[in-house]
Amino acid sequence: MDEKKVNFYTVNQVYDKVFQGTLSKTTIHHMIKQGKIPSVEFVRKKLIPAYWVEKCIAKAHGSEII
């Protein structure tokens, strides 16, 4: 079965997938508020674009996507 392409991640997903517990969820929310992490709001929930998440993961693995 094909995996669906994700367009956005929740703060919880970013916490687990990108920062792997090294930053608190509160810090992630502060970074969003400061504009350091791009986001959109949907039904009072902050969503982080998949392109940003993928870029961070690639950068961490040494193969940054341009």
Protein backbone atom coordinates (compact mmCIF):
# COMPACT_ATOMS: atom_id res chain seq x y z
CA MET A 1 0.00 0.00 0.00
CA ASP A 2 1.31 3.43 -0.92
CA GLU A 3 2.02 5.92 1.83
CA LYS A 4 0.14 9.19 1.52
CA LYS A 5 2.19 12.37 1.14
CA VAL A 6 1.84 14.49 4.25
CA ASN A 7 1.53 18.26 3.75
CA PHE A 8 1.60 19.36 7.39
CA TYR A 9 2.74 18.07 10.75
CA THR A 10 1.40 18.85 14.22
CA VAL A 11 3.66 20.17 16.97
CA ASN A 12 3.59 16.70 18.57
CA GLN A 13 4.73 15.07 15.34
CA VAL A 14 7.53 17.62 14.89
CA TYR A 15 8.55 17.08 18.52
CA ASP A 16 8.87 13.33 17.86
CA LYS A 17 10.16 13.34 14.28
CA VAL A 18 12.51 16.34 14.11
CA PHE A 19 13.63 17.22 17.60
CA GLN A 20 13.27 13.71 19.08
CA GLY A 21 12.61 15.11 22.53
CA THR A 22 15.62 17.44 22.60
CA LEU A 23 13.36 20.51 22.73
CA SER A 24 10.17 20.80 24.73
CA LYS A 25 6.84 21.27 23.00
CA THR A 26 6.62 24.64 24.76
CA THR A 27 9.90 25.71 23.15
CA ILE A 28 8.59 24.61 19.75
CA HIS A 29 5.47 26.73 20.31
CA HIS A 30 7.68 29.71 21.26
CA MET A 31 9.78 29.22 18.12
CA ILE A 32 6.60 29.22 16.05
CA LYS A 33 5.44 32.42 17.75
CA GLN A 34 8.84 34.04 17.08
CA GLY A 35 8.66 33.05 13.41
CA LYS A 36 11.63 30.66 13.60
CA ILE A 37 9.41 27.74 12.58
CA PRO A 38 6.85 28.36 9.81
CA SER A 39 3.28 27.39 10.59
CA VAL A 40 -0.35 27.81 9.71
CA GLU A 41 -3.25 27.68 12.11
CA PHE A 42 -6.18 25.38 11.50
CA VAL A 43 -8.98 25.10 14.04
CA ARG A 44 -6.75 26.53 16.78
CA LYS A 45 -4.03 24.00 16.01
CA LYS A 46 -0.58 24.97 14.73
CA LEU A 47 0.53 22.98 11.71
CA ILE A 48 4.10 22.97 10.40
CA PRO A 49 4.61 22.56 6.63
CA ALA A 50 6.09 19.23 5.55
CA TYR A 51 8.75 20.98 3.42
CA TRP A 52 10.25 22.51 6.59
CA VAL A 53 10.20 19.20 8.47
CA GLU A 54 11.81 17.36 5.54
CA LYS A 55 14.45 20.09 5.20
CA CYS A 56 15.36 19.79 8.90
CA ILE A 57 15.60 16.02 8.70
CA ALA A 58 17.75 16.19 5.55
CA LYS A 59 20.01 18.80 7.18
CA ALA A 60 20.44 16.59 10.23
CA HIS A 61 21.47 13.71 8.00
CA GLY A 62 23.90 15.87 6.04
CA SER A 63 21.96 15.91 2.79
CA GLU A 64 20.19 19.25 2.86
CA ILE A 65 17.45 19.76 0.28
CA ILE A 66 17.67 23.07 -1.58
